[in-house]
PDB file of N, CA and C in Angstrom:
ATOM      1  N   UNK A   1     -19.388  41.734  -1.062  1.00  0.00           N
ATOM      2  CA  UNK A   1     -18.892  43.162  -1.121  1.00  0.00           C
ATOM      3  C   UNK A   1     -18.459  43.760   0.074  1.00  0.00           C
ATOM      4  N   UNK A   2     -16.985  43.859  -0.293  1.00  0.00           N
ATOM      5  CA  UNK A   2     -16.371  44.412   1.214  1.00  0.00           C
ATOM      6  C   UNK A   2     -16.903  46.087   1.438  1.00  0.00           C
ATOM      7  N   UNK A   3     -16.936  46.294   2.714  1.00  0.00           N
ATOM      8  CA  UNK A   3     -17.087  47.541   2.774  1.00  0.00           C
ATOM      9  C   UNK A   3     -18.635  47.537   2.917  1.00  0.00           C
ATOM     10  N   UNK A   4     -19.537  46.948   2.638  1.00  0.00           N
ATOM     11  CA  UNK A   4     -21.107  47.469   2.580  1.00  0.00           C
ATOM     12  C   UNK A   4     -21.392  47.025   3.898  1.00  0.00           C
ATOM     13  N   UNK A   5     -22.631  47.763   4.150  1.00  0.00           N
ATOM     14  CA  UNK A   5     -23.076  47.746   5.310  1.00  0.00           C
ATOM     15  C   UNK A   5     -23.648  46.366   5.617  1.00  0.00           C
ATOM     16  N   UNK A   6     -23.587  45.794   6.835  1.00  0.00           N
ATOM     17  CA  UNK A   6     -24.006  44.271   7.369  1.00  0.00           C
ATOM     18  C   UNK A   6     -24.993  44.501   8.371  1.00  0.00           C
ATOM     19  N   UNK A   7     -26.070  43.500   8.353  1.00  0.00           N
ATOM     20  CA  UNK A   7     -26.861  43.782   9.106  1.00  0.00           C
ATOM     21  C   UNK A   7     -26.802  42.319   9.836  1.00  0.00           C
ATOM     22  N   UNK A   8     -27.018  42.137  10.915  1.00  0.00           N
ATOM     23  CA  UNK A   8     -27.085  40.850  11.912  1.00  0.00           C
ATOM     24  C   UNK A   8     -28.940  40.668  12.184  1.00  0.00           C
ATOM     25  N   UNK A   9     -29.459  40.044  11.845  1.00  0.00           N
ATOM     26  CA  UNK A   9     -31.071  39.783  12.240  1.00  0.00           C
ATOM     27  C   UNK A   9     -31.327  38.903  13.229  1.00  0.00           C
ATOM     28  N   UNK A  10     -32.022  39.117  14.158  1.00  0.00           N
ATOM     29  CA  UNK A  10     -32.508  38.090  15.171  1.00  0.00           C
ATOM     30  C   UNK A  10     -34.132  38.340  15.525  1.00  0.00           C
ATOM     31  N   UNK A  11     -34.472  37.261  15.695  1.00  0.00           N
ATOM     32  CA  UNK A  11     -35.951  36.814  16.267  1.00  0.00           C
ATOM     33  C   UNK A  11     -35.902  36.589  17.345  1.00  0.00           C
ATOM     34  N   UNK A  12     -36.994  37.194  17.758  1.00  0.00           N
ATOM     35  CA  UNK A  12     -37.052  36.882  19.587  1.00  0.00           C
ATOM     36  C   UNK A  12     -38.609  36.478  19.783  1.00  0.00           C
ATOM     37  N   UNK A  13     -38.966  35.764  20.639  1.00  0.00           N
ATOM     38  CA  UNK A  13     -40.468  35.234  21.015  1.00  0.00           C
ATOM     39  C   UNK A  13     -40.166  35.943  22.469  1.00  0.00           C
ATOM     40  N   UNK A  14     -40.861  36.941  23.226  1.00  0.00           N
ATOM     41  CA  UNK A  14     -40.765  37.281  24.555  1.00  0.00           C
ATOM     42  C   UNK A  14     -41.804  36.839  25.275  1.00  0.00           C
ATOM     43  N   UNK A  15     -41.704  36.558  26.634  1.00  0.00           N
ATOM     44  CA  UNK A  15     -42.566  36.757  27.679  1.00  0.00           C
ATOM     45  C   UNK A  15     -43.677  37.742  27.593  1.00  0.00           C
ATOM     46  N   UNK A  16     -44.648  37.316  27.630  1.00  0.00           N
ATOM     47  CA  UNK A  16     -45.881  38.433  27.280  1.00  0.00           C
ATOM     48  C   UNK A  16     -45.796  39.842  28.905  1.00  0.00           C
ATOM     49  N   UNK A  17     -45.023  38.936  29.897  1.00  0.00           N
ATOM     50  CA  UNK A  17     -44.493  40.203  30.898  1.00  0.00           C
ATOM     51  C   UNK A  17     -43.448  41.031  31.103  1.00  0.00           C
ATOM     52  N   UNK A  18     -42.950  40.626  29.710  1.00  0.00           N
ATOM     53  CA  UNK A  18     -41.390  41.160  29.879  1.00  0.00           C
ATOM     54  C   UNK A  18     -41.157  42.272  28.849  1.00  0.00           C
ATOM     55  N   UNK A  19     -42.368  42.449  28.030  1.00  0.00           N
ATOM     56  CA  UNK A  19     -42.466  43.320  26.594  1.00  0.00           C
ATOM     57  C   UNK A  19     -41.705  44.647  27.117  1.00  0.00           C
ATOM     58  N   UNK A  20     -42.019  45.729  28.204  1.00  0.00           N
ATOM     59  CA  UNK A  20     -41.348  46.757  28.291  1.00  0.00           C
ATOM     60  C   UNK A  20     -39.890  46.808  28.720  1.00  0.00           C
ATOM     61  N   UNK A  21     -39.715  45.664  29.416  1.00  0.00           N
ATOM     62  CA  UNK A  21     -37.936  45.475  29.873  1.00  0.00           C
ATOM     63  C   UNK A  21     -37.463  45.086  28.758  1.00  0.00           C
ATOM     64  N   UNK A  22     -37.922  44.308  27.936  1.00  0.00           N
ATOM     65  CA  UNK A  22     -37.120  43.714  26.326  1.00  0.00           C
ATOM     66  C   UNK A  22     -36.905  44.876  25.629  1.00  0.00           C
ATOM     67  N   UNK A  23     -38.036  45.407  25.332  1.00  0.00           N
ATOM     68  CA  UNK A  23     -37.791  46.473  24.375  1.00  0.00           C
ATOM     69  C   UNK A  23     -36.966  47.733  25.227  1.00  0.00           C
ATOM     70  N   UNK A  24     -36.659  47.778  26.239  1.00  0.00           N
ATOM     71  CA  UNK A  24     -35.765  48.516  26.835  1.00  0.00           C
ATOM     72  C   UNK A  24     -34.311  48.239  26.694  1.00  0.00           C
ATOM     73  N   UNK A  25     -34.423  47.234  27.003  1.00  0.00           N
ATOM     74  CA  UNK A  25     -32.930  46.337  26.718  1.00  0.00           C
ATOM     75  C   UNK A  25     -32.295  45.900  25.237  1.00  0.00           C
ATOM     76  N   UNK A  26     -33.242  45.866  24.242  1.00  0.00           N
ATOM     77  CA  UNK A  26     -32.951  45.243  23.034  1.00  0.00           C
ATOM     78  C   UNK A  26     -33.313  46.540  21.709  1.00  0.00           C
ATOM     79  N   UNK A  27     -33.810  47.896  22.521  1.00  0.00           N
ATOM     80  CA  UNK A  27     -33.729  49.087  21.510  1.00  0.00           C
ATOM     81  C   UNK A  27     -32.817  49.616  21.016  1.00  0.00           C
ATOM     82  N   UNK A  28     -32.798  50.861  20.275  1.00  0.00           N
ATOM     83  CA  UNK A  28     -31.744  51.304  19.786  1.00  0.00           C
ATOM     84  C   UNK A  28     -30.902  51.908  20.875  1.00  0.00           C
ATOM     85  N   UNK A  29     -31.179  52.366  22.036  1.00  0.00           N
ATOM     86  CA  UNK A  29     -30.486  52.880  23.346  1.00  0.00           C
ATOM     87  C   UNK A  29     -30.398  51.989  24.522  1.00  0.00           C
ATOM     88  N   UNK A  30     -30.593  50.816  24.003  1.00  0.00           N
ATOM     89  CA  UNK A  30     -30.658  49.773  25.220  1.00  0.00           C
ATOM     90  C   UNK A  30     -28.957  49.170  25.804  1.00  0.00           C
ATOM     91  N   UNK A  31     -29.072  48.001  26.650  1.00  0.00           N
ATOM     92  CA  UNK A  31     -27.940  47.501  26.925  1.00  0.00           C
ATOM     93  C   UNK A  31     -26.903  47.123  25.700  1.00  0.00           C
ATOM     94  N   UNK A  32     -27.602  46.528  24.773  1.00  0.00           N
ATOM     95  CA  UNK A  32     -27.005  45.750  23.604  1.00  0.00           C
ATOM     96  C   UNK A  32     -26.298  46.881  22.649  1.00  0.00           C
ATOM     97  N   UNK A  33     -27.178  47.990  22.460  1.00  0.00           N
ATOM     98  CA  UNK A  33     -26.475  48.811  21.802  1.00  0.00           C
ATOM     99  C   UNK A  33     -25.403  49.938  22.486  1.00  0.00           C
ATOM    100  N   UNK A  34     -25.533  49.985  23.827  1.00  0.00           N
ATOM    101  CA  UNK A  34     -24.412  50.372  24.487  1.00  0.00           C
ATOM    102  C   UNK A  34     -23.299  49.659  24.326  1.00  0.00           C
ATOM    103  N   UNK A  35     -23.340  48.205  24.536  1.00  0.00           N
ATOM    104  CA  UNK A  35     -22.283  47.402  24.360  1.00  0.00           C
ATOM    105  C   UNK A  35     -21.362  47.545  22.918  1.00  0.00           C
ATOM    106  N   UNK A  36     -22.568  47.210  21.714  1.00  0.00           N
ATOM    107  CA  UNK A  36     -21.801  47.664  20.777  1.00  0.00           C
ATOM    108  C   UNK A  36     -21.384  48.936  20.202  1.00  0.00           C
ATOM    109  N   UNK A  37     -21.630  50.268  20.671  1.00  0.00           N
ATOM    110  CA  UNK A  37     -21.196  51.272  20.514  1.00  0.00           C
ATOM    111  C   UNK A  37     -19.514  51.435  21.098  1.00  0.00           C
ATOM    112  N   UNK A  38     -19.214  50.415  21.911  1.00  0.00           N
ATOM    113  CA  UNK A  38     -17.749  50.448  21.941  1.00  0.00           C
ATOM    114  C   UNK A  38     -16.984  50.265  20.693  1.00  0.00           C
ATOM    115  N   UNK A  39     -17.720  49.965  19.704  1.00  0.00           N
ATOM    116  CA  UNK A  39     -16.916  49.665  18.232  1.00  0.00           C
ATOM    117  C   UNK A  39     -17.241  50.651  17.523  1.00  0.00           C
ATOM    118  N   UNK A  40     -16.324  51.357  16.661  1.00  0.00           N
ATOM    119  CA  UNK A  40     -16.465  52.578  15.769  1.00  0.00           C
ATOM    120  C   UNK A  40     -17.330  51.888  14.316  1.00  0.00           C
ATOM    121  N   UNK A  41     -17.363  50.877  14.494  1.00  0.00           N
ATOM    122  CA  UNK A  41     -17.762  50.026  13.253  1.00  0.00           C
ATOM    123  C   UNK A  41     -19.155  49.786  13.648  1.00  0.00           C
ATOM    124  N   UNK A  42     -19.850  49.988  14.657  1.00  0.00           N
ATOM    125  CA  UNK A  42     -21.353  49.763  14.877  1.00  0.00           C
ATOM    126  C   UNK A  42     -22.064  50.937  14.263  1.00  0.00           C
ATOM    127  N   UNK A  43     -23.035  50.627  13.353  1.00  0.00           N
ATOM    128  CA  UNK A  43     -23.824  51.839  12.879  1.00  0.00           C
ATOM    129  C   UNK A  43     -25.384  52.078  13.519  1.00  0.00           C
ATOM    130  N   UNK A  44     -25.786  51.143  14.310  1.00  0.00           N
ATOM    131  CA  UNK A  44     -27.197  50.979  14.984  1.00  0.00           C
ATOM    132  C   UNK A  44     -27.979  49.969  15.035  1.00  0.00           C
ATOM    133  N   UNK A  45     -29.120  49.849  16.015  1.00  0.00           N
ATOM    134  CA  UNK A  45     -29.987  48.840  16.139  1.00  0.00           C
ATOM    135  C   UNK A  45     -31.389  49.202  15.521  1.00  0.00           C
ATOM    136  N   UNK A  46     -32.244  48.468  14.989  1.00  0.00           N
ATOM    137  CA  UNK A  46     -33.684  48.617  14.819  1.00  0.00           C
ATOM    138  C   UNK A  46     -34.212  47.647  15.658  1.00  0.00           C
ATOM    139  N   UNK A  47     -35.367  47.853  16.349  1.00  0.00           N
ATOM    140  CA  UNK A  47     -36.193  47.227  17.134  1.00  0.00           C
ATOM    141  C   UNK A  47     -37.381  46.857  16.477  1.00  0.00           C
ATOM    142  N   UNK A  48     -37.782  45.951  15.989  1.00  0.00           N
ATOM    143  CA  UNK A  48     -39.233  45.652  15.100  1.00  0.00           C
ATOM    144  C   UNK A  48     -40.116  44.930  15.992  1.00  0.00           C
ATOM    145  N   UNK A  49     -41.478  45.116  15.998  1.00  0.00           N
ATOM    146  CA  UNK A  49     -42.392  43.986  16.605  1.00  0.00           C
ATOM    147  C   UNK A  49     -43.494  43.525  15.732  1.00  0.00           C
ATOM    148  N   UNK A  50     -43.784  42.780  15.376  1.00  0.00           N
ATOM    149  CA  UNK A  50     -44.814  42.018  14.657  1.00  0.00           C
ATOM    150  C   UNK A  50     -46.395  42.286  15.124  1.00  0.00           C
ATOM    151  N   UNK A  51     -46.916  42.561  13.843  1.00  0.00           N
ATOM    152  CA  UNK A  51     -48.152  43.722  14.311  1.00  0.00           C
ATOM    153  C   UNK A  51     -49.029  42.279  14.285  1.00  0.00           C
ATOM    154  N   UNK A  52     -48.659  41.374  13.834  1.00  0.00           N
ATOM    155  CA  UNK A  52     -49.885  39.785  13.779  1.00  0.00           C
ATOM    156  C   UNK A  52     -49.613  39.103  14.892  1.00  0.00           C
ATOM    157  N   UNK A  53     -48.143  38.688  15.522  1.00  0.00           N
ATOM    158  CA  UNK A  53     -47.746  38.111  16.394  1.00  0.00           C
ATOM    159  C   UNK A  53     -47.220  38.872  18.063  1.00  0.00           C
ATOM    160  N   UNK A  54     -48.104  38.824  18.617  1.00  0.00           N
ATOM    161  CA  UNK A  54     -47.729  39.817  19.887  1.00  0.00           C
ATOM    162  C   UNK A  54     -46.419  38.961  20.315  1.00  0.00           C
ATOM    163  N   UNK A  55     -45.449  39.682  21.239  1.00  0.00           N
ATOM    164  CA  UNK A  55     -44.425  38.990  21.635  1.00  0.00           C
ATOM    165  C   UNK A  55     -43.439  38.541  20.837  1.00  0.00           C
ATOM    166  N   UNK A  56     -43.719  38.718  19.440  1.00  0.00           N
ATOM    167  CA  UNK A  56     -42.301  38.273  18.473  1.00  0.00           C
ATOM    168  C   UNK A  56     -41.734  39.871  17.950  1.00  0.00           C
ATOM    169  N   UNK A  57     -40.359  39.780  18.190  1.00  0.00           N
ATOM    170  CA  UNK A  57     -39.667  40.888  17.658  1.00  0.00           C
ATOM    171  C   UNK A  57     -38.410  40.402  16.833  1.00  0.00           C
ATOM    172  N   UNK A  58     -38.029  41.490  16.226  1.00  0.00           N
ATOM    173  CA  UNK A  58     -36.536  41.316  15.048  1.00  0.00           C
ATOM    174  C   UNK A  58     -35.812  42.423  15.889  1.00  0.00           C
ATOM    175  N   UNK A  59     -34.235  41.881  15.895  1.00  0.00           N
ATOM    176  CA  UNK A  59     -33.628  43.071  16.019  1.00  0.00           C
ATOM    177  C   UNK A  59     -32.808  43.163  14.797  1.00  0.00           C
ATOM    178  N   UNK A  60     -32.425  44.356  14.404  1.00  0.00           N
ATOM    179  CA  UNK A  60     -31.483  44.427  13.132  1.00  0.00           C
ATOM    180  C   UNK A  60     -30.404  45.345  13.316  1.00  0.00           C
ATOM    181  N   UNK A  61     -29.195  44.867  13.786  1.00  0.00           N
ATOM    182  CA  UNK A  61     -28.002  45.145  14.003  1.00  0.00           C
ATOM    183  C   UNK A  61     -27.399  45.453  12.815  1.00  0.00           C
ATOM    184  N   UNK A  62     -26.878  46.939  12.394  1.00  0.00           N
ATOM    185  CA  UNK A  62     -26.024  47.648  11.639  1.00  0.00           C
ATOM    186  C   UNK A  62     -24.336  47.505  12.051  1.00  0.00           C
ATOM    187  N   UNK A  63     -23.734  47.535  10.986  1.00  0.00           N
ATOM    188  CA  UNK A  63     -22.280  47.220  11.021  1.00  0.00           C
ATOM    189  C   UNK A  63     -21.302  47.588   9.946  1.00  0.00           C
ATOM    190  N   UNK A  64     -20.205  48.208   9.803  1.00  0.00           N
ATOM    191  CA  UNK A  64     -19.708  48.365   8.737  1.00  0.00           C
ATOM    192  C   UNK A  64     -19.416  47.342   7.453  1.00  0.00           C
ATOM    193  N   UNK A  65     -19.319  45.847   8.195  1.00  0.00           N
ATOM    194  CA  UNK A  65     -19.253  44.983   7.621  1.00  0.00           C
ATOM    195  C   UNK A  65     -19.306  43.791   8.465  1.00  0.00           C
ATOM    196  N   UNK A  66     -19.398  42.569   7.809  1.00  0.00           N
ATOM    197  CA  UNK A  66     -19.478  41.320   8.482  1.00  0.00           C
ATOM    198  C   UNK A  66     -18.335  40.648   9.440  1.00  0.00           C
ATOM    199  N   UNK A  67     -17.121  41.382   8.804  1.00  0.00           N
ATOM    200  CA  UNK A  67     -16.134  40.907   9.584  1.00  0.00           C
ATOM    201  C   UNK A  67     -15.538  41.947  10.853  1.00  0.00           C
ATOM    202  N   UNK A  68     -16.327  43.155  10.740  1.00  0.00           N
ATOM    203  CA  UNK A  68     -16.177  43.798  12.207  1.00  0.00           C
ATOM    204  C   UNK A  68     -17.020  43.511  12.745  1.00  0.00           C
ATOM    205  N   UNK A  69     -18.234  43.307  12.651  1.00  0.00           N
ATOM    206  CA  UNK A  69     -19.124  42.496  13.507  1.00  0.00           C
ATOM    207  C   UNK A  69     -18.564  41.545  14.535  1.00  0.00           C
ATOM    208  N   UNK A  70     -17.793  40.200  13.690  1.00  0.00           N
ATOM    209  CA  UNK A  70     -17.294  38.978  14.151  1.00  0.00           C
ATOM    210  C   UNK A  70     -16.030  39.479  14.967  1.00  0.00           C
ATOM    211  N   UNK A  71     -15.617  40.302  14.796  1.00  0.00           N
ATOM    212  CA  UNK A  71     -14.128  40.414  15.377  1.00  0.00           C
ATOM    213  C   UNK A  71     -14.665  41.488  16.768  1.00  0.00           C
ATOM    214  N   UNK A  72     -15.710  42.146  16.735  1.00  0.00           N
ATOM    215  CA  UNK A  72     -16.085  42.766  17.886  1.00  0.00           C
ATOM    216  C   UNK A  72     -16.588  41.677  18.810  1.00  0.00           C
ATOM    217  N   UNK A  73     -17.565  40.806  18.123  1.00  0.00           N
ATOM    218  CA  UNK A  73     -17.844  39.906  19.016  1.00  0.00           C
ATOM    219  C   UNK A  73     -16.955  38.813  20.049  1.00  0.00           C
ATOM    220  N   UNK A  74     -15.749  38.525  19.135  1.00  0.00           N
ATOM    221  CA  UNK A  74     -14.267  38.079  19.253  1.00  0.00           C
ATOM    222  C   UNK A  74     -13.900  38.818  20.691  1.00  0.00           C
ATOM    223  N   UNK A  75     -13.711  39.997  20.545  1.00  0.00           N
ATOM    224  CA  UNK A  75     -12.740  40.766  21.453  1.00  0.00           C
ATOM    225  C   UNK A  75     -13.564  40.791  22.599  1.00  0.00           C
ATOM    226  N   UNK A  76     -15.172  41.027  22.616  1.00  0.00           N
ATOM    227  CA  UNK A  76     -15.684  41.128  23.586  1.00  0.00           C
ATOM    228  C   UNK A  76     -16.852  40.061  24.511  1.00  0.00           C
ATOM    229  N   UNK A  77     -16.087  38.635  23.729  1.00  0.00           N
ATOM    230  CA  UNK A  77     -17.160  37.745  24.135  1.00  0.00           C
ATOM    231  C   UNK A  77     -17.562  37.703  25.324  1.00  0.00           C
ATOM    232  N   UNK A  78     -16.788  37.858  26.471  1.00  0.00           N
ATOM    233  CA  UNK A  78     -17.156  37.536  27.885  1.00  0.00           C
ATOM    234  C   UNK A  78     -18.615  38.681  27.943  1.00  0.00           C
ATOM    235  N   UNK A  79     -18.202  39.893  27.692  1.00  0.00           N
ATOM    236  CA  UNK A  79     -19.064  40.806  28.090  1.00  0.00           C
ATOM    237  C   UNK A  79     -20.500  40.445  27.488  1.00  0.00           C
ATOM    238  N   UNK A  80     -20.353  39.857  26.047  1.00  0.00           N
ATOM    239  CA  UNK A  80     -21.393  39.678  25.005  1.00  0.00           C
ATOM    240  C   UNK A  80     -22.433  38.547  25.996  1.00  0.00           C
ATOM    241  N   UNK A  81     -21.118  37.579  26.239  1.00  0.00           N
ATOM    242  CA  UNK A  81     -21.938  35.992  27.052  1.00  0.00           C
ATOM    243  C   UNK A  81     -22.640  36.583  28.164  1.00  0.00           C
ATOM    244  N   UNK A  82     -22.025  37.766  28.985  1.00  0.00           N
ATOM    245  CA  UNK A  82     -22.740  38.038  30.379  1.00  0.00           C
ATOM    246  C   UNK A  82     -24.128  38.601  29.948  1.00  0.00           C
ATOM    247  N   UNK A  83     -24.127  39.679  29.143  1.00  0.00           N
ATOM    248  CA  UNK A  83     -25.016  40.485  28.668  1.00  0.00           C
ATOM    249  C   UNK A  83     -26.287  39.363  28.186  1.00  0.00           C
ATOM    250  N   UNK A  84     -26.011  38.212  27.479  1.00  0.00           N
ATOM    251  CA  UNK A  84     -26.813  37.402  26.843  1.00  0.00           C
ATOM    252  C   UNK A  84     -27.603  36.602  28.058  1.00  0.00           C
ATOM    253  N   UNK A  85     -26.517  36.100  29.113  1.00  0.00           N
ATOM    254  CA  UNK A  85     -27.316  35.571  29.947  1.00  0.00           C
ATOM    255  C   UNK A  85     -28.061  36.361  30.875  1.00  0.00           C
ATOM    256  N   UNK A  86     -27.693  37.785  31.519  1.00  0.00           N
ATOM    257  CA  UNK A  86     -28.809  38.465  32.008  1.00  0.00           C
ATOM    258  C   UNK A  86     -30.290  38.701  31.231  1.00  0.00           C
ATOM    259  N   UNK A  87     -30.227  38.477  29.945  1.00  0.00           N
ATOM    260  CA  UNK A  87     -31.289  38.728  29.116  1.00  0.00           C
ATOM    261  C   UNK A  87     -32.330  37.253  29.139  1.00  0.00           C
ATOM    262  N   UNK A  88     -31.783  36.283  29.191  1.00  0.00           N
ATOM    263  CA  UNK A  88     -32.350  34.761  29.069  1.00  0.00           C
ATOM    264  C   UNK A  88     -33.586  34.982  29.694  1.00  0.00           C
ATOM    265  N   UNK A  89     -34.108  35.496  30.624  1.00  0.00           N
ATOM    266  CA  UNK A  89     -35.358  35.513  31.412  1.00  0.00           C
ATOM    267  C   UNK A  89     -36.399  36.274  30.856  1.00  0.00           C
ATOM    268  N   UNK A  90     -35.938  37.230  29.832  1.00  0.00           N
ATOM    269  CA  UNK A  90     -36.815  37.961  28.830  1.00  0.00           C
ATOM    270  C   UNK A  90     -37.854  37.033  27.683  1.00  0.00           C
ATOM    271  N   UNK A  91     -37.214  36.056  27.278  1.00  0.00           N
ATOM    272  CA  UNK A  91     -37.646  35.366  26.398  1.00  0.00           C
ATOM    273  C   UNK A  91     -37.793  34.025  26.309  1.00  0.00           C
ATOM    274  N   UNK A  92     -38.664  33.558  25.459  1.00  0.00           N
ATOM    275  CA  UNK A  92     -39.171  32.249  25.404  1.00  0.00           C
ATOM    276  C   UNK A  92     -38.374  31.611  24.293  1.00  0.00           C
ATOM    277  N   UNK A  93     -37.627  32.118  23.409  1.00  0.00           N
ATOM    278  CA  UNK A  93     -37.008  31.463  22.705  1.00  0.00           C
ATOM    279  C   UNK A  93     -36.018  32.637  21.508  1.00  0.00           C
ATOM    280  N   UNK A  94     -34.994  32.371  20.835  1.00  0.00           N
ATOM    281  CA  UNK A  94     -34.415  33.514  19.959  1.00  0.00           C
ATOM    282  C   UNK A  94     -33.784  32.577  18.959  1.00  0.00           C
ATOM    283  N   UNK A  95     -33.860  33.350  17.658  1.00  0.00           N
ATOM    284  CA  UNK A  95     -32.878  32.472  16.621  1.00  0.00           C
ATOM    285  C   UNK A  95     -32.284  33.571  15.643  1.00  0.00           C
ATOM    286  N   UNK A  96     -31.079  33.481  15.206  1.00  0.00           N
ATOM    287  CA  UNK A  96     -30.446  34.184  14.400  1.00  0.00           C
ATOM    288  C   UNK A  96     -31.193  34.025  13.123  1.00  0.00           C
ATOM    289  N   UNK A  97     -31.900  35.106  12.552  1.00  0.00           N
ATOM    290  CA  UNK A  97     -32.720  34.748  11.567  1.00  0.00           C
ATOM    291  C   UNK A  97     -31.230  34.772  10.074  1.00  0.00           C
ATOM    292  N   UNK A  98     -30.369  35.724   9.862  1.00  0.00           N
ATOM    293  CA  UNK A  98     -29.269  35.677   9.448  1.00  0.00           C
ATOM    294  C   UNK A  98     -28.533  36.889   9.405  1.00  0.00           C
ATOM    295  N   UNK A  99     -27.293  36.460   8.327  1.00  0.00           N
ATOM    296  CA  UNK A  99     -26.473  37.838   8.409  1.00  0.00           C
ATOM    297  C   UNK A  99     -26.386  38.306   6.977  1.00  0.00           C
ATOM    298  N   UNK A 100     -27.121  39.310   6.457  1.00  0.00           N
ATOM    299  CA  UNK A 100     -27.294  40.114   5.330  1.00  0.00           C
ATOM    300  C   UNK A 100     -26.578  41.400   4.973  1.00  0.00           C
ATOM    301  N   UNK A 101     -26.661  41.520   3.671  1.00  0.00           N
ATOM    302  CA  UNK A 101     -25.878  42.830   3.062  1.00  0.00           C
ATOM    303  C   UNK A 101     -26.532  43.514   2.017  1.00  0.00           C
ATOM    304  N   UNK A 102     -26.490  44.587   1.498  1.00  0.00           N
ATOM    305  CA  UNK A 102     -27.041  45.105   0.457  1.00  0.00           C
ATOM    306  C   UNK A 102     -26.763  44.372  -0.731  1.00  0.00           C
ATOM    307  N   UNK A 103     -27.902  43.914  -1.597  1.00  0.00           N
ATOM    308  CA  UNK A 103     -27.321  43.242  -3.068  1.00  0.00           C
ATOM    309  C   UNK A 103     -26.593  44.248  -3.732  1.00  0.00           C
ATOM    310  N   UNK A 104     -25.596  43.731  -4.695  1.00  0.00           N
ATOM    311  CA  UNK A 104     -25.234  44.837  -5.624  1.00  0.00           C
ATOM    312  C   UNK A 104     -26.369  45.163  -6.899  1.00  0.00           C
ATOM    313  N   UNK A 105     -26.341  46.906  -6.949  1.00  0.00           N
ATOM    314  CA  UNK A 105     -27.188  47.264  -7.602  1.00  0.00           C
ATOM    315  C   UNK A 105     -26.882  46.736  -9.100  1.00  0.00           C
ATOM    316  N   UNK A 106     -28.010  46.525 -10.138  1.00  0.00           N
ATOM    317  CA  UNK A 106     -27.771  46.088 -11.456  1.00  0.00           C
ATOM    318  C   UNK A 106     -27.059  47.380 -12.511  1.00  0.00           C
ATOM    319  N   UNK A 107     -26.155  47.235 -13.128  1.00  0.00           N
ATOM    320  CA  UNK A 107     -25.961  48.394 -14.021  1.00  0.00           C
ATOM    321  C   UNK A 107     -26.694  48.136 -15.351  1.00  0.00           C
ATOM    322  N   UNK A 108     -26.891  49.093 -16.052  1.00  0.00           N
ATOM    323  CA  UNK A 108     -27.075  49.029 -17.761  1.00  0.00           C
ATOM    324  C   UNK A 108     -28.912  48.951 -17.628  1.00  0.00           C
ATOM    325  N   UNK A 109     -29.102  49.514 -16.925  1.00  0.00           N
ATOM    326  CA  UNK A 109     -30.801  49.258 -17.057  1.00  0.00           C
ATOM    327  C   UNK A 109     -31.649  50.515 -17.314  1.00  0.00           C
TER     328      UNK A 109
END
């Protein structure tokens, strides 16, 4: 669905001694959010911590559309890569969970 809000969801396993710094950098007002705010299509970030697995986090980056996110990443590739490299020391692993948008509502119920 064109124009549906889009979520890029990432999973991180962070180093035990880096929790505070990770939360600062990846949180809703952190360095990543500041980079993304250069785009009017960026809608915000949520940072979730796993209650049963300490050190496991999810980021949910909201954009106006998938195209807007990918266009931003392409236009800001150097800045994105630089910040990504600066953050490598905070994590033991990271993986993109996926790209999501809201499922269309069923009508006629």
